[in-house]
Amino acid sequence: MPKRKTNPRTAIAPPKTTKSDQLKTLLAKPGGVTVADLSEKLGWQSHTTRAALTRLKQSGLSVERLDPKEGSRQSRYRIAGAKK
C-alpha cells in the first residue's frame, strides 16, 4: 500500500514571528537599541522603524528613549521596565 501524502491544507504550520514581535524582542534588551540597529536587523528603512515605534506607543506599550552611549549621537530605545 502506498504512503499517503500530507495534505498541505491540513498540515499544521509553525506560528509565524511577525516583524512587530521581532521589534518588541529587540526593544526588550536592557541597554536599548538604536533606530539604525533596528532598521538593519529588521530590513526596514529608518523612517519605517520610527513609524513602528510610534505605532507601539499608540497601542499602549511604553517605549523609553534613552540617552546616547558615550561617543554616539544616536538615541537608544527600549520597552519601559526592561531590566537594567
N, C-alpha and C. Protein backbone atom coordinates (compact mmCIF):
# COMPACT_ATOMS: atom_id res chain seq x y z
N MET A 1 0.84 -1.17 0.00
CA MET A 1 0.00 0.00 0.00
C MET A 1 0.89 1.25 0.00
N PRO A 2 0.64 2.21 -0.89
CA PRO A 2 1.48 3.42 -0.95
C PRO A 2 1.22 4.34 0.24
N LYS A 3 2.26 5.08 0.61
CA LYS A 3 2.12 6.02 1.73
C LYS A 3 1.28 7.21 1.29
N ARG A 4 0.52 7.71 2.22
CA ARG A 4 -0.29 8.89 1.93
C ARG A 4 0.56 10.15 2.05
N LYS A 5 0.31 11.07 1.18
CA LYS A 5 1.00 12.36 1.26
C LYS A 5 0.18 13.28 2.17
N THR A 6 0.88 14.12 2.88
CA THR A 6 0.19 15.07 3.75
C THR A 6 -0.47 16.14 2.91
N ASN A 7 -1.70 16.39 3.22
CA ASN A 7 -2.43 17.44 2.54
C ASN A 7 -1.93 18.79 3.06
N PRO A 8 -1.45 19.68 2.18
CA PRO A 8 -0.91 20.95 2.65
C PRO A 8 -1.93 21.81 3.39
N ARG A 9 -3.20 21.60 3.11
CA ARG A 9 -4.23 22.39 3.80
C ARG A 9 -4.43 21.92 5.23
N THR A 10 -4.15 20.67 5.51
CA THR A 10 -4.37 20.16 6.85
C THR A 10 -3.08 20.11 7.67
N ALA A 11 -1.94 20.32 7.03
CA ALA A 11 -0.68 20.32 7.76
C ALA A 11 -0.63 21.52 8.70
N ILE A 12 -0.11 21.30 9.87
CA ILE A 12 -0.03 22.39 10.85
C ILE A 12 1.27 23.15 10.62
N ALA A 13 1.13 24.43 10.35
CA ALA A 13 2.30 25.28 10.12
C ALA A 13 2.74 25.88 11.45
N PRO A 14 4.04 26.04 11.64
CA PRO A 14 4.50 26.68 12.87
C PRO A 14 4.06 28.14 12.89
N PRO A 15 3.83 28.70 14.07
CA PRO A 15 3.39 30.09 14.13
C PRO A 15 4.46 31.01 13.56
N LYS A 16 4.02 31.98 12.80
CA LYS A 16 4.95 32.92 12.19
C LYS A 16 5.31 34.01 13.19
N THR A 17 6.57 34.39 13.19
CA THR A 17 7.01 35.50 14.02
C THR A 17 6.87 36.76 13.17
N THR A 18 6.06 37.69 13.64
CA THR A 18 5.83 38.91 12.88
C THR A 18 6.97 39.90 13.12
N LYS A 19 7.07 40.86 12.24
CA LYS A 19 8.08 41.91 12.41
C LYS A 19 7.82 42.68 13.70
N SER A 20 6.55 42.85 14.04
CA SER A 20 6.21 43.54 15.28
C SER A 20 6.73 42.76 16.50
N ASP A 21 6.59 41.45 16.46
CA ASP A 21 7.12 40.62 17.55
C ASP A 21 8.64 40.73 17.61
N GLN A 22 9.29 40.73 16.44
CA GLN A 22 10.74 40.87 16.41
C GLN A 22 11.16 42.22 16.97
N LEU A 23 10.42 43.27 16.64
CA LEU A 23 10.70 44.61 17.14
C LEU A 23 10.60 44.64 18.66
N LYS A 24 9.55 44.05 19.20
CA LYS A 24 9.37 44.02 20.66
C LYS A 24 10.49 43.25 21.34
N THR A 25 10.94 42.16 20.72
CA THR A 25 12.04 41.38 21.28
C THR A 25 13.32 42.20 21.32
N LEU A 26 13.60 42.92 20.24
CA LEU A 26 14.80 43.74 20.20
C LEU A 26 14.73 44.89 21.20
N LEU A 27 13.54 45.45 21.40
CA LEU A 27 13.38 46.56 22.34
C LEU A 27 13.42 46.11 23.79
N ALA A 28 13.31 44.82 24.03
CA ALA A 28 13.33 44.30 25.39
C ALA A 28 14.74 44.24 25.97
N LYS A 29 15.76 44.51 25.15
CA LYS A 29 17.13 44.49 25.64
C LYS A 29 17.32 45.61 26.67
N PRO A 30 17.96 45.31 27.79
CA PRO A 30 18.10 46.31 28.85
C PRO A 30 18.86 47.56 28.43
N GLY A 31 19.84 47.44 27.55
CA GLY A 31 20.63 48.60 27.14
C GLY A 31 19.98 49.41 26.05
N GLY A 32 18.86 48.94 25.55
CA GLY A 32 18.18 49.63 24.47
C GLY A 32 18.85 49.37 23.13
N VAL A 33 18.26 49.91 22.09
CA VAL A 33 18.76 49.70 20.73
C VAL A 33 18.48 50.97 19.92
N THR A 34 19.38 51.29 19.00
CA THR A 34 19.21 52.49 18.17
C THR A 34 18.29 52.21 16.99
N VAL A 35 17.79 53.27 16.41
CA VAL A 35 16.95 53.14 15.22
C VAL A 35 17.75 52.50 14.08
N ALA A 36 19.02 52.88 13.97
CA ALA A 36 19.87 52.30 12.91
C ALA A 36 20.02 50.79 13.08
N ASP A 37 20.23 50.34 14.33
CA ASP A 37 20.35 48.90 14.58
C ASP A 37 19.04 48.17 14.30
N LEU A 38 17.93 48.77 14.73
CA LEU A 38 16.63 48.15 14.46
C LEU A 38 16.39 48.04 12.96
N SER A 39 16.68 49.11 12.23
CA SER A 39 16.47 49.12 10.79
C SER A 39 17.29 48.03 10.11
N GLU A 40 18.52 47.88 10.53
CA GLU A 40 19.40 46.87 9.93
C GLU A 40 18.90 45.46 10.21
N LYS A 41 18.51 45.21 11.46
CA LYS A 41 18.10 43.86 11.85
C LYS A 41 16.74 43.47 11.28
N LEU A 42 15.87 44.46 11.07
CA LEU A 42 14.54 44.17 10.55
C LEU A 42 14.44 44.34 9.04
N GLY A 43 15.47 44.94 8.43
CA GLY A 43 15.43 45.16 6.99
C GLY A 43 14.51 46.30 6.59
N TRP A 44 14.33 47.26 7.48
CA TRP A 44 13.47 48.41 7.24
C TRP A 44 14.31 49.66 7.02
N GLN A 45 13.69 50.67 6.41
CA GLN A 45 14.32 51.98 6.33
C GLN A 45 14.08 52.69 7.66
N SER A 46 14.88 53.69 7.95
CA SER A 46 14.79 54.34 9.26
C SER A 46 13.43 55.00 9.51
N HIS A 47 12.82 55.58 8.49
CA HIS A 47 11.52 56.22 8.71
C HIS A 47 10.44 55.18 9.02
N THR A 48 10.57 53.99 8.47
CA THR A 48 9.63 52.91 8.77
C THR A 48 9.81 52.44 10.20
N THR A 49 11.05 52.37 10.66
CA THR A 49 11.34 51.95 12.02
C THR A 49 10.78 52.96 13.02
N ARG A 50 10.97 54.24 12.75
CA ARG A 50 10.44 55.28 13.65
C ARG A 50 8.91 55.23 13.68
N ALA A 51 8.29 54.98 12.53
CA ALA A 51 6.82 54.87 12.48
C ALA A 51 6.35 53.67 13.29
N ALA A 52 7.09 52.56 13.24
CA ALA A 52 6.72 51.37 14.02
C ALA A 52 6.83 51.65 15.51
N LEU A 53 7.85 52.41 15.92
CA LEU A 53 7.97 52.79 17.34
C LEU A 53 6.77 53.64 17.75
N THR A 54 6.36 54.54 16.88
CA THR A 54 5.19 55.38 17.17
C THR A 54 3.94 54.53 17.30
N ARG A 55 3.77 53.54 16.41
CA ARG A 55 2.59 52.66 16.49
C ARG A 55 2.58 51.86 17.79
N LEU A 56 3.76 51.42 18.23
CA LEU A 56 3.83 50.70 19.51
C LEU A 56 3.38 51.59 20.66
N LYS A 57 3.83 52.84 20.63
CA LYS A 57 3.43 53.78 21.68
C LYS A 57 1.93 54.02 21.64
N GLN A 58 1.37 54.16 20.44
CA GLN A 58 -0.06 54.41 20.30
C GLN A 58 -0.89 53.22 20.75
N SER A 59 -0.31 52.01 20.66
CA SER A 59 -1.05 50.82 21.07
C SER A 59 -1.01 50.62 22.59
N GLY A 60 -0.29 51.50 23.29
CA GLY A 60 -0.28 51.44 24.75
C GLY A 60 1.00 50.90 25.35
N LEU A 61 1.95 50.48 24.52
CA LEU A 61 3.22 49.98 25.03
C LEU A 61 4.11 51.18 25.36
N SER A 62 4.72 51.15 26.52
CA SER A 62 5.56 52.26 26.95
C SER A 62 6.99 52.05 26.44
N VAL A 63 7.42 52.93 25.54
CA VAL A 63 8.76 52.85 24.97
C VAL A 63 9.58 54.02 25.52
N GLU A 64 10.71 53.70 26.15
CA GLU A 64 11.58 54.72 26.72
C GLU A 64 12.63 55.15 25.71
N ARG A 65 12.95 56.44 25.73
CA ARG A 65 14.06 56.96 24.93
C ARG A 65 15.22 57.17 25.89
N LEU A 66 16.32 56.50 25.62
CA LEU A 66 17.50 56.58 26.47
C LEU A 66 18.53 57.51 25.86
N ASP A 67 19.41 58.04 26.70
CA ASP A 67 20.50 58.89 26.21
C ASP A 67 21.44 58.07 25.33
N PRO A 68 22.08 58.72 24.38
CA PRO A 68 23.06 58.01 23.54
C PRO A 68 24.24 57.50 24.37
N LYS A 69 24.84 56.44 23.89
CA LYS A 69 26.06 55.96 24.54
C LYS A 69 27.16 56.98 24.30
N GLU A 70 28.16 56.97 25.15
CA GLU A 70 29.24 57.93 25.02
C GLU A 70 29.92 57.78 23.66
N GLY A 71 30.15 58.91 23.01
CA GLY A 71 30.78 58.91 21.70
C GLY A 71 29.80 58.72 20.55
N SER A 72 28.52 58.64 20.86
CA SER A 72 27.50 58.44 19.84
C SER A 72 26.46 59.56 19.94
N ARG A 73 25.78 59.82 18.85
CA ARG A 73 24.72 60.83 18.87
C ARG A 73 23.34 60.20 18.71
N GLN A 74 23.29 58.88 18.57
CA GLN A 74 22.01 58.20 18.33
C GLN A 74 21.35 57.81 19.65
N SER A 75 20.10 58.22 19.80
CA SER A 75 19.33 57.82 20.97
C SER A 75 19.05 56.33 20.91
N ARG A 76 18.85 55.74 22.07
CA ARG A 76 18.52 54.33 22.15
C ARG A 76 17.09 54.22 22.69
N TYR A 77 16.42 53.17 22.32
CA TYR A 77 15.04 52.95 22.74
C TYR A 77 14.92 51.57 23.36
N ARG A 78 14.01 51.45 24.32
CA ARG A 78 13.71 50.14 24.90
C ARG A 78 12.30 50.18 25.48
N ILE A 79 11.77 49.02 25.74
CA ILE A 79 10.46 48.93 26.37
C ILE A 79 10.63 49.32 27.82
N ALA A 80 9.79 50.22 28.29
CA ALA A 80 9.89 50.70 29.66
C ALA A 80 9.74 49.52 30.61
N GLY A 81 10.62 49.47 31.59
CA GLY A 81 10.58 48.39 32.56
C GLY A 81 11.51 47.25 32.22
N ALA A 82 12.21 47.34 31.10
CA ALA A 82 13.17 46.28 30.76
C ALA A 82 14.28 46.33 31.80
N LYS A 83 14.66 45.18 32.29
CA LYS A 83 15.67 45.12 33.36
C LYS A 83 16.96 45.78 32.93
N LYS A 84 17.49 46.60 33.83
CA LYS A 84 18.73 47.33 33.53
C LYS A 84 19.93 46.49 33.76
